[in-house]
Protein backbone atom coordinates (compact mmCIF):
# COMPACT_ATOMS: atom_id res chain seq x y z
CA MET A 1 -6.61 54.97 73.03
CA PHE A 2 -7.29 56.34 69.22
CA PRO A 3 -7.44 51.89 68.42
CA THR A 4 -9.77 51.82 70.91
CA VAL A 5 -11.72 54.01 69.93
CA PHE A 6 -11.62 53.36 66.20
CA TYR A 7 -12.50 49.96 67.33
CA ASN A 8 -15.87 50.64 68.36
CA TYR A 9 -16.51 52.95 66.24
CA ILE A 10 -16.32 49.67 64.25
CA ILE A 11 -18.41 47.56 66.45
CA TYR A 12 -21.36 50.48 66.60
CA GLU A 13 -21.43 50.86 62.51
CA ARG A 14 -21.95 47.11 62.23
CA MET A 15 -24.40 46.89 65.31
CA LYS A 16 -25.98 50.21 63.12
CA LYS A 17 -26.01 48.01 59.66
CA LEU A 18 -27.01 44.77 61.81
CA LEU A 19 -30.04 46.15 62.59
CA SER A 20 -31.12 48.39 60.42
CA LEU A 21 -30.70 45.02 57.83
CA SER A 22 -33.12 43.18 60.76
CA ALA A 23 -35.83 46.23 60.58
CA LEU A 24 -35.91 45.62 56.34
CA LEU A 25 -36.42 42.24 57.07
CA LEU A 26 -38.88 42.05 59.38
CA SER A 27 -40.08 44.57 57.04
CA LEU A 28 -40.22 42.24 53.93
CA SER A 29 -41.54 39.05 56.11
CA ALA A 30 -44.53 41.18 57.38
CA TRP A 31 -45.75 42.67 53.89
CA CYS A 32 -45.04 39.54 52.44
CA GLN A 33 -47.51 37.55 55.01
CA LYS A 34 -50.30 40.20 53.77
CA PRO A 35 -53.17 38.46 52.74
CA HIS A 36 -52.68 40.11 48.89
CA ASP A 37 -52.63 36.16 47.38
CA GLN A 38 -55.94 35.31 45.48
CA TYR A 39 -56.31 32.10 43.08
CA SER A 40 -59.98 32.03 41.64
CA LEU A 41 -61.39 29.68 39.13
CA GLU A 42 -63.62 31.45 36.52
CA ALA A 43 -67.02 29.46 34.19
CA GLY A 44 -69.72 30.89 31.79
CA TYR A 45 -72.06 30.55 29.13
CA GLY A 46 -73.96 32.79 27.04
CA MET A 47 -74.15 34.36 24.34
CA GLY A 48 -72.20 35.13 21.40
CA ILE A 49 -72.58 38.17 18.65
CA SER A 50 -70.34 37.79 15.48
CA GLY A 51 -69.65 40.66 13.38
CA HIS A 52 -70.14 40.28 9.85
CA PRO A 53 -72.11 38.56 9.14
CA THR A 54 -73.75 39.34 12.06
CA THR A 55 -75.19 36.91 13.53
CA VAL A 56 -76.22 35.42 17.41
CA GLY A 57 -74.93 32.33 18.53
CA PHE A 58 -76.45 30.62 22.23
CA ALA A 59 -73.33 28.46 22.66
CA HIS A 60 -70.96 30.60 24.33
CA TYR A 61 -68.95 29.16 27.15
CA GLU A 62 -64.96 30.13 28.68
CA VAL A 63 -63.32 29.35 31.91
CA GLY A 64 -60.24 30.65 33.43
CA PHE A 65 -58.12 30.88 36.29
CA ARG A 66 -57.32 34.32 37.61
CA TYR A 67 -54.38 35.53 40.13
CA MET A 68 -54.36 38.67 42.44
CA VAL A 69 -51.45 39.70 42.95
CA ASP A 70 -52.70 42.52 45.15
CA GLU A 71 -56.13 43.97 46.10
CA PHE A 72 -56.80 46.49 42.96
CA TRP A 73 -54.51 44.15 40.06
CA GLY A 74 -53.77 40.51 39.05
CA ILE A 75 -53.95 38.72 35.71
CA LYS A 76 -55.39 35.45 34.09
CA PHE A 77 -55.29 33.58 31.11
CA ASP A 78 -58.83 32.29 30.34
CA PHE A 79 -60.64 30.13 27.30
CA GLY A 80 -63.37 31.19 25.34
CA SER A 81 -65.93 29.00 22.65
CA ASP A 82 -69.13 29.66 20.15
CA SER A 83 -70.10 28.16 17.57
CA PHE A 84 -72.32 30.55 15.02
CA ARG A 85 -74.66 29.09 12.11
CA MET A 86 -76.18 31.32 9.82
CA ASP A 87 -80.11 31.71 10.28
CA ASP A 88 -80.58 31.53 7.12
CA ASN A 89 -78.27 28.69 5.96
CA PRO A 90 -77.56 26.30 8.75
CA GLU A 91 -74.57 24.58 6.52
CA LEU A 92 -72.94 27.77 6.74
CA GLY A 93 -71.08 28.59 10.17
CA SER A 94 -68.05 29.08 12.07
CA ASP A 95 -66.65 27.54 15.81
CA TYR A 96 -64.76 30.62 17.19
CA LYS A 97 -62.16 29.11 19.30
CA ARG A 98 -59.85 32.11 22.12
CA TYR A 99 -56.58 31.60 24.12
CA SER A 100 -55.78 34.63 25.70
CA PHE A 101 -53.69 36.18 29.02
CA GLN A 102 -54.96 39.55 30.43
CA GLY A 103 -54.54 41.49 32.76
CA VAL A 104 -57.23 42.60 35.39
CA HIS A 105 -58.53 45.43 37.65
CA ASN A 106 -60.57 45.56 40.88
CA LEU A 107 -62.57 48.60 39.51
CA GLY A 108 -65.25 48.47 42.47
CA ARG A 109 -62.03 49.03 44.93
CA THR A 110 -61.52 52.28 42.68
CA LEU A 111 -64.77 53.99 42.85
CA ASN A 112 -65.32 52.67 45.58
CA ILE A 113 -68.36 51.04 44.77
CA ALA A 114 -68.68 48.62 48.02
CA ASN A 115 -69.34 51.78 50.21
CA THR A 116 -72.03 52.92 47.16
CA ALA A 117 -73.37 50.23 46.00
CA GLY A 118 -73.34 47.48 49.32
CA SER A 119 -70.69 44.89 50.29
CA ASN A 120 -71.21 42.11 48.40
CA ILE A 121 -71.47 43.57 45.15
CA ASN A 122 -67.57 44.45 42.71
CA LEU A 123 -66.39 45.38 39.49
CA LEU A 124 -63.46 44.40 37.48
CA ALA A 125 -62.35 44.91 34.45
CA HIS A 126 -60.27 43.37 32.48
CA GLY A 127 -58.34 43.32 28.50
CA GLY A 128 -55.36 41.73 26.53
CA LEU A 129 -53.82 39.86 24.42
CA GLY A 130 -54.28 36.17 22.45
CA TYR A 131 -54.52 33.34 20.02
CA SER A 132 -58.28 32.77 17.90
CA SER A 133 -58.92 29.86 15.81
CA LEU A 134 -62.36 30.40 13.47
CA THR A 135 -62.76 26.66 11.48
CA SER A 136 -65.18 26.93 8.63
CA VAL A 137 -67.81 23.99 8.67
CA THR A 138 -68.22 23.35 5.07
CA ARG A 139 -64.59 24.35 3.79
CA GLY A 140 -63.03 22.47 6.74
CA GLY A 141 -59.83 25.34 6.59
CA THR A 142 -58.53 26.94 9.89
CA ASP A 143 -57.92 30.75 10.73
CA ASN A 144 -55.07 31.37 12.59
CA ILE A 145 -56.27 34.70 14.32
CA GLY A 146 -53.90 37.33 16.43
CA ASN A 147 -56.74 39.07 18.90
CA VAL A 148 -57.32 42.12 21.30
CA ILE A 149 -59.83 41.69 24.38
CA ILE A 150 -61.53 44.11 26.59
CA GLY A 151 -64.45 43.21 28.95
CA LEU A 152 -66.06 43.93 32.61
CA THR A 153 -67.52 41.64 34.88
CA PRO A 154 -70.10 42.26 37.56
CA GLN A 155 -69.77 40.43 40.40
CA LEU A 156 -72.14 39.50 43.26
CA ARG A 157 -70.42 37.94 46.37
CA LEU A 158 -72.15 34.53 47.56
CA GLY A 159 -69.84 33.19 50.26
CA LYS A 160 -66.71 33.48 50.92
CA SER A 161 -65.33 30.80 48.73
CA LEU A 162 -68.08 31.89 45.75
CA ALA A 163 -69.13 34.93 43.95
CA LEU A 164 -71.64 35.16 40.50
CA THR A 165 -70.58 37.00 38.10
CA LEU A 166 -71.95 38.54 34.63
CA ASP A 167 -68.78 38.64 32.36
CA THR A 168 -69.16 41.47 28.40
CA SER A 169 -65.82 40.72 26.50
CA TYR A 170 -65.44 42.79 22.96
CA ILE A 171 -62.97 41.42 20.88
CA LEU A 172 -60.78 42.01 17.78
CA ASN A 173 -59.81 40.22 15.59
CA PHE A 174 -56.59 41.04 13.64
CA THR A 175 -55.19 39.45 10.33
CA GLN A 176 -58.95 37.38 10.15
CA HIS A 177 -59.22 35.68 6.29
CA TYR A 178 -62.47 33.82 7.29
CA ASN A 179 -66.25 35.74 7.30
CA PHE A 180 -68.15 34.33 10.34
CA ASP A 181 -70.15 32.25 7.74
CA GLY A 182 -67.55 30.26 7.14
CA GLN A 183 -66.88 32.00 3.94
CA HIS A 184 -64.70 34.13 2.00
CA PRO A 185 -66.24 37.71 2.05
CA ALA A 186 -64.60 38.29 -1.42
CA ARG A 187 -64.25 34.71 -2.89
CA PRO A 188 -65.61 31.69 -1.55
CA GLU A 189 -63.47 29.56 -3.69
CA HIS A 190 -60.13 31.00 -2.33
CA THR A 191 -58.93 31.46 0.99
CA SER A 192 -55.15 32.83 0.73
CA LEU A 193 -56.65 36.79 0.00
CA LYS A 194 -55.75 39.41 2.40
CA SER A 195 -56.64 39.77 5.91
CA PHE A 196 -59.08 41.61 7.43
CA THR A 197 -59.65 43.11 10.49
CA GLY A 198 -63.16 40.81 12.51
CA HIS A 199 -64.88 41.67 16.11
CA LEU A 200 -67.84 39.97 18.37
CA PHE A 201 -69.17 39.74 21.53
CA THR A 202 -70.12 37.78 24.52
CA ALA A 203 -72.03 38.10 27.60
CA SER A 204 -71.78 35.38 29.68
CA VAL A 205 -73.72 34.42 33.52
CA GLY A 206 -71.66 32.71 35.74
CA PHE A 207 -69.61 31.32 38.33
CA THR A 208 -65.96 32.67 40.24
CA PHE A 209 -64.56 29.91 42.69
CA TYR A 210 -62.21 30.53 45.45
CA PHE A 211 -59.42 28.49 46.36
CA GLY A 212 -56.56 29.06 48.75
CA LYS A 213 -56.98 29.93 52.83
CA ASN A 214 -57.31 33.92 51.30
CA GLY A 215 -60.61 32.90 50.07
CA SER A 216 -62.71 36.46 48.07
CA ASP A 217 -60.74 38.83 50.09
CA ALA A 218 -58.71 40.20 47.38
CA ASP A 219 -61.40 41.22 45.82
CA TRP A 220 -64.42 42.26 48.70
CA ARG A 221 -61.61 42.76 51.72
């Protein structure tokens, strides 16, 4: 009798583990089928305001790719470009290129903006690190720079696959050697002096195009 009871107990335990594993797999399958995943392409055009010497350039453009892991968090890779020329001397200036990898937070969902400002309005926050190059148009040298970027992106949904955006970003450059006029801040005839911290501000109007079966769900669902 004891072997029979023991055998039945073993079968019972194995069945219980099998049922538990099946329930876990079903739960994982259901979670994986939730419409969290969202891919989008972003593009914008606007202006850049440089640090010292301060100048405004209306030649800023940016493009990016964003992936939302869930309804609150995502990542994106983006590229930005600016061209600065001095008003008092157009021959002085620089061309600025930026590549950044950033985290994205759906601030509108956290602040429940959809219920207070309308279901077609949203707000994203983003921030991260990257690489920049600053090329002097007079000296011909290229400054290799690390950057930190933070920003806010208000959104207006135009449809399932399209949104109008207004992006504002602040970029902090470290290990910068040239000013935005393309000259070294201390001695223009030398380029091997110590680096400094520079900054610029950008503002752009653009569009976000959502693709994939989930469209803009992660931003507005």
